[in-house]
Amino acid sequence: MDKGSTVRDMFQRIAGRYDLANTAMSAGLDVVWRKQAAAALALAPDARVLDVCCGTGALTREIARRVPDGSATGVDFSENMLAVGRKHRNPDNVNYVQGDALALPFPDACFDAAAMGFSLRNIPDISACLREIGRVLRRGGAFVNLEIGKPGNPVIRRFFYAYFYGVLPQVGALVGGDRAAYRYLPQSLINFPDARSLADLFRTSGFAQVRCIPLMGGIANLHIGITASAPALDAPQLAVSSA
């Protein structure tokens, strides 16, 4: 079975407890970081925004609240994740669509901005995914990716890795109810690019004005890029979370 199918099956299994497990494993920081990701897009009230690999729609709903005259579309390949998302109290401007991040079911240049949260490290071909996101963005559209990072500071890295690879799988297994899935999720970071390398992938995949905002010393990172030939993004700088 290929990586895509394996990951899909895993998320199908853990969908029911996914939100609870995320909050438990991050001590609620995932909520804070999603708010920062949505803020980094500096969205107009009428923007049309895509949340790629939306899962149960936590980031989709956060984005929707910031575009009251626009729309937030969440796309994910897991039917079970989307079913959980639809049961939430969604704003009226939220729409969920089943689809693959490597072959998004949307025409070219149909969104003003896009986001992705804690999912890129599960994609088999990161560059292809970035190009596909760029395809569905209008020229000048912003994309923000929120992902777990590899802290550059050796002290922060040592303590974070001890938690991420040692404690987190145990917490995830207990709360999420699937030991194999929560062994996989930390391991998915091992071959994932570091912050600088991911910024380079953004650039080679068609994004310009790429910048990275580290959160909590690089435990998580926001990477922001603009589709080529666009004016500078006038987005507020985000303070590094100390929560």
Protein backbone atom coordinates (compact mmCIF):
# COMPACT_ATOMS: atom_id res chain seq x y z
CA MET A 1 0.00 0.00 0.00
CA ASP A 2 1.37 3.45 -0.94
CA LYS A 3 1.87 6.26 1.58
CA GLY A 4 -1.23 8.14 0.47
CA SER A 5 -3.50 5.15 1.01
CA THR A 6 -1.88 4.31 4.34
CA VAL A 7 -2.32 7.86 5.61
CA ARG A 8 -5.94 8.00 4.40
CA ASP A 9 -6.78 4.75 6.21
CA MET A 10 -5.13 6.05 9.38
CA PHE A 11 -7.11 9.30 9.41
CA GLN A 12 -10.29 7.41 8.65
CA ARG A 13 -9.71 5.41 11.85
CA ILE A 14 -8.88 8.29 14.18
CA ALA A 15 -11.40 10.88 12.94
CA GLY A 16 -13.80 10.53 15.88
CA ARG A 17 -11.22 11.48 18.51
CA TYR A 18 -8.89 13.58 16.36
CA ASP A 19 -9.82 16.99 17.78
CA LEU A 20 -9.64 15.85 21.38
CA ALA A 21 -6.28 14.15 20.82
CA ASN A 22 -4.80 17.25 19.15
CA THR A 23 -5.82 19.48 22.03
CA ALA A 24 -4.50 17.03 24.61
CA MET A 25 -1.16 16.48 22.86
CA SER A 26 -0.50 20.20 22.32
CA ALA A 27 -1.99 21.43 25.62
CA GLY A 28 -4.28 23.64 23.56
CA LEU A 29 -1.50 25.32 21.57
CA ASP A 30 -2.92 23.97 18.30
CA VAL A 31 -5.85 26.38 18.73
CA VAL A 32 -3.53 29.35 19.29
CA TRP A 33 -1.35 28.43 16.31
CA ARG A 34 -4.33 28.08 13.97
CA LYS A 35 -5.46 31.58 14.92
CA GLN A 36 -1.98 32.86 14.06
CA ALA A 37 -2.03 31.02 10.74
CA ALA A 38 -5.37 32.58 9.80
CA ALA A 39 -4.18 36.03 10.88
CA ALA A 40 -1.04 35.71 8.75
CA LEU A 41 -3.18 35.69 5.60
CA ALA A 42 -4.43 39.24 6.33
CA LEU A 43 -7.73 38.34 4.67
CA ALA A 44 -10.21 40.77 3.15
CA PRO A 45 -13.76 40.25 4.49
CA ASP A 46 -14.95 38.96 1.11
CA ALA A 47 -12.01 36.62 0.41
CA ARG A 48 -12.49 33.11 -0.96
CA VAL A 49 -10.15 30.85 0.99
CA LEU A 50 -9.18 27.19 0.64
CA ASP A 51 -8.11 25.03 3.59
CA VAL A 52 -6.14 22.10 2.16
CA CYS A 53 -6.23 18.79 4.08
CA CYS A 54 -8.76 20.42 6.38
CA GLY A 55 -9.41 17.33 8.51
CA THR A 56 -12.29 18.09 10.85
CA GLY A 57 -12.31 21.76 9.83
CA ALA A 58 -10.75 23.51 12.84
CA LEU A 59 -8.71 25.87 10.65
CA THR A 60 -11.53 26.16 8.11
CA ARG A 61 -13.87 27.51 10.76
CA GLU A 62 -11.24 29.92 12.08
CA ILE A 63 -10.74 31.28 8.57
CA ALA A 64 -14.49 31.51 7.93
CA ARG A 65 -14.95 33.80 10.90
CA ARG A 66 -12.46 36.21 9.34
CA VAL A 67 -14.22 36.37 5.95
CA PRO A 68 -17.88 37.10 6.85
CA ASP A 69 -18.63 38.25 3.29
CA GLY A 70 -16.51 35.56 1.64
CA SER A 71 -16.18 31.80 1.95
CA ALA A 72 -13.98 29.11 3.47
CA THR A 73 -13.76 25.79 1.65
CA GLY A 74 -12.20 22.80 3.36
CA VAL A 75 -10.94 19.91 1.24
CA ASP A 76 -9.79 16.53 2.57
CA PHE A 77 -9.49 13.00 1.25
CA SER A 78 -10.96 11.39 4.40
CA GLU A 79 -14.74 11.01 4.36
CA ASN A 80 -14.75 10.34 8.10
CA MET A 81 -12.82 13.52 8.90
CA LEU A 82 -15.22 15.58 6.78
CA ALA A 83 -18.22 13.91 8.44
CA VAL A 84 -16.92 15.00 11.86
CA GLY A 85 -16.28 18.50 10.49
CA ARG A 86 -19.84 18.83 9.22
CA LYS A 87 -21.19 17.99 12.71
CA HIS A 88 -19.46 21.01 14.21
CA ARG A 89 -21.19 24.35 14.55
CA ASN A 90 -19.95 25.71 11.25
CA PRO A 91 -20.42 29.30 10.05
CA ASP A 92 -22.78 29.59 7.10
CA ASN A 93 -19.90 30.42 4.75
CA VAL A 94 -18.11 27.05 5.28
CA ASN A 95 -18.18 24.35 2.64
CA TYR A 96 -16.50 20.92 2.80
CA VAL A 97 -15.39 18.99 -0.29
CA GLN A 98 -13.77 15.58 -0.59
CA GLY A 99 -10.61 15.68 -2.69
CA ASP A 100 -6.91 14.94 -2.97
CA ALA A 101 -4.32 17.64 -2.19
CA LEU A 102 -2.30 16.47 -5.20
CA ALA A 103 -5.26 16.85 -7.57
CA LEU A 104 -7.52 19.52 -6.11
CA PRO A 105 -11.07 19.42 -7.55
CA PHE A 106 -11.14 23.14 -8.37
CA PRO A 107 -10.42 25.23 -11.48
CA ASP A 108 -7.37 27.45 -11.86
CA ALA A 109 -7.13 30.74 -9.96
CA CYS A 110 -10.43 30.36 -8.10
CA PHE A 111 -9.27 31.22 -4.56
CA ASP A 112 -7.85 34.41 -3.06
CA ALA A 113 -5.83 32.62 -0.37
CA ALA A 114 -5.10 29.14 0.96
CA ALA A 115 -3.98 27.52 4.19
CA MET A 116 -2.82 24.16 5.43
CA GLY A 117 -2.42 23.01 9.02
CA PHE A 118 -0.36 20.09 10.36
CA SER A 119 -0.73 18.11 7.13
CA LEU A 120 2.11 18.84 4.70
CA ARG A 121 4.43 16.31 6.31
CA ASN A 122 1.91 13.59 5.39
CA ILE A 123 1.95 14.44 1.67
CA PRO A 124 3.97 12.03 -0.52
CA ASP A 125 5.17 14.80 -2.89
CA ILE A 126 5.47 18.17 -1.16
CA SER A 127 6.57 20.10 -4.25
CA ALA A 128 3.67 18.75 -6.31
CA CYS A 129 1.26 19.73 -3.53
CA LEU A 130 2.66 23.27 -3.39
CA ARG A 131 2.36 23.62 -7.16
CA GLU A 132 -1.23 22.38 -7.04
CA ILE A 133 -2.10 24.93 -4.34
CA GLY A 134 -0.48 27.64 -6.46
CA ARG A 135 -2.58 26.55 -9.42
CA VAL A 136 -5.89 27.20 -7.67
CA LEU A 137 -4.76 30.58 -6.26
CA ARG A 138 -5.25 33.80 -8.15
CA ARG A 139 -2.12 35.78 -8.95
CA GLY A 140 -1.06 37.52 -5.75
CA GLY A 141 -2.86 34.99 -3.55
CA ALA A 142 -1.24 34.08 -0.24
CA PHE A 143 -0.65 30.59 1.12
CA VAL A 144 0.22 29.87 4.74
CA ASN A 145 1.39 26.50 6.00
CA LEU A 146 1.34 25.67 9.70
CA GLU A 147 3.47 22.69 10.62
CA ILE A 148 5.47 21.16 13.43
CA GLY A 149 9.13 22.17 13.12
CA LYS A 150 12.66 21.15 13.98
CA PRO A 151 13.91 23.77 16.46
CA GLY A 152 17.33 25.16 15.67
CA ASN A 153 18.24 25.79 19.31
CA PRO A 154 19.78 22.52 20.59
CA VAL A 155 18.29 22.88 24.09
CA ILE A 156 14.76 23.52 22.79
CA ARG A 157 15.19 20.74 20.23
CA ARG A 158 16.30 18.21 22.86
CA PHE A 159 13.34 18.85 25.14
CA PHE A 160 10.86 19.05 22.26
CA TYR A 161 12.05 15.82 20.69
CA ALA A 162 11.88 14.05 24.07
CA TYR A 163 8.23 15.02 24.27
CA PHE A 164 7.36 14.63 20.59
CA TYR A 165 8.89 11.19 20.12
CA GLY A 166 8.54 9.88 23.66
CA VAL A 167 5.51 11.30 25.44
CA LEU A 168 3.24 12.37 22.58
CA PRO A 169 2.67 8.86 21.16
CA GLN A 170 1.57 7.69 24.60
CA VAL A 171 -0.83 10.61 25.07
CA GLY A 172 -2.16 10.18 21.54
CA ALA A 173 -2.71 6.47 22.01
CA LEU A 174 -4.53 7.02 25.30
CA VAL A 175 -6.79 9.85 24.10
CA GLY A 176 -6.98 9.02 20.40
CA GLY A 177 -7.47 5.30 20.89
CA ASP A 178 -5.08 4.19 18.12
CA ARG A 179 -1.53 3.41 19.18
CA ALA A 180 -0.24 2.75 15.63
CA ALA A 181 -1.54 6.08 14.32
CA TYR A 182 0.09 8.08 17.09
CA ARG A 183 3.37 6.28 16.58
CA TYR A 184 3.25 7.24 12.90
CA LEU A 185 2.46 10.95 13.36
CA PRO A 186 5.69 11.82 15.23
CA GLN A 187 7.72 9.68 12.84
CA SER A 188 6.34 11.66 9.90
CA LEU A 189 8.53 14.58 10.97
CA ILE A 190 11.81 12.70 10.54
CA ASN A 191 12.11 13.12 6.76
CA PHE A 192 10.19 16.39 6.61
CA PRO A 193 12.27 19.42 5.49
CA ASP A 194 13.54 21.85 8.11
CA ALA A 195 12.30 25.45 8.03
CA ARG A 196 14.94 26.73 5.60
CA SER A 197 14.57 23.78 3.22
CA LEU A 198 10.79 24.11 3.20
CA ALA A 199 11.10 27.81 2.36
CA ASP A 200 13.29 26.81 -0.58
CA LEU A 201 10.63 24.33 -1.73
CA PHE A 202 8.06 27.13 -1.62
CA ARG A 203 10.26 29.22 -3.92
CA THR A 204 11.03 26.44 -6.39
CA SER A 205 7.32 25.54 -6.48
CA GLY A 206 6.27 29.00 -7.68
CA PHE A 207 5.85 31.09 -4.53
CA ALA A 208 7.56 34.42 -4.00
CA GLN A 209 8.18 36.68 -0.98
CA VAL A 210 8.49 33.56 1.14
CA ARG A 211 8.98 34.03 4.84
CA CYS A 212 8.94 31.82 7.91
CA ILE A 213 7.60 32.77 11.34
CA PRO A 214 8.81 30.41 14.09
CA LEU A 215 6.42 29.69 16.95
CA MET A 216 7.81 28.82 20.37
CA GLY A 217 11.39 28.74 19.15
CA GLY A 218 10.58 26.72 16.03
CA ILE A 219 8.52 23.98 17.67
CA ALA A 220 6.03 24.97 14.99
CA ASN A 221 6.47 27.22 11.95
CA LEU A 222 4.32 29.36 9.72
CA HIS A 223 5.58 29.48 6.13
CA ILE A 224 3.94 32.17 4.01
CA GLY A 225 4.31 32.59 0.26
CA ILE A 226 2.65 34.65 -2.45
CA THR A 227 1.90 33.45 -5.94
CA ALA A 228 4.39 35.01 -8.36
CA SER A 229 4.19 38.53 -9.84
CA ALA A 230 2.32 39.97 -6.89
CA PRO A 231 2.68 43.09 -4.74
CA ALA A 232 4.13 42.63 -1.28
CA LEU A 233 1.84 41.11 1.34
CA ASP A 234 1.05 43.73 3.95
CA ALA A 235 0.45 41.28 6.78
CA PRO A 236 1.10 41.94 10.46
CA GLN A 237 4.20 40.35 11.96
CA LEU A 238 3.22 37.75 14.52
CA ALA A 239 4.87 37.54 17.88
CA VAL A 240 6.37 34.21 18.78
CA SER A 241 3.96 32.48 21.11
CA SER A 242 5.19 31.99 24.64
CA ALA A 243 2.12 30.06 25.77
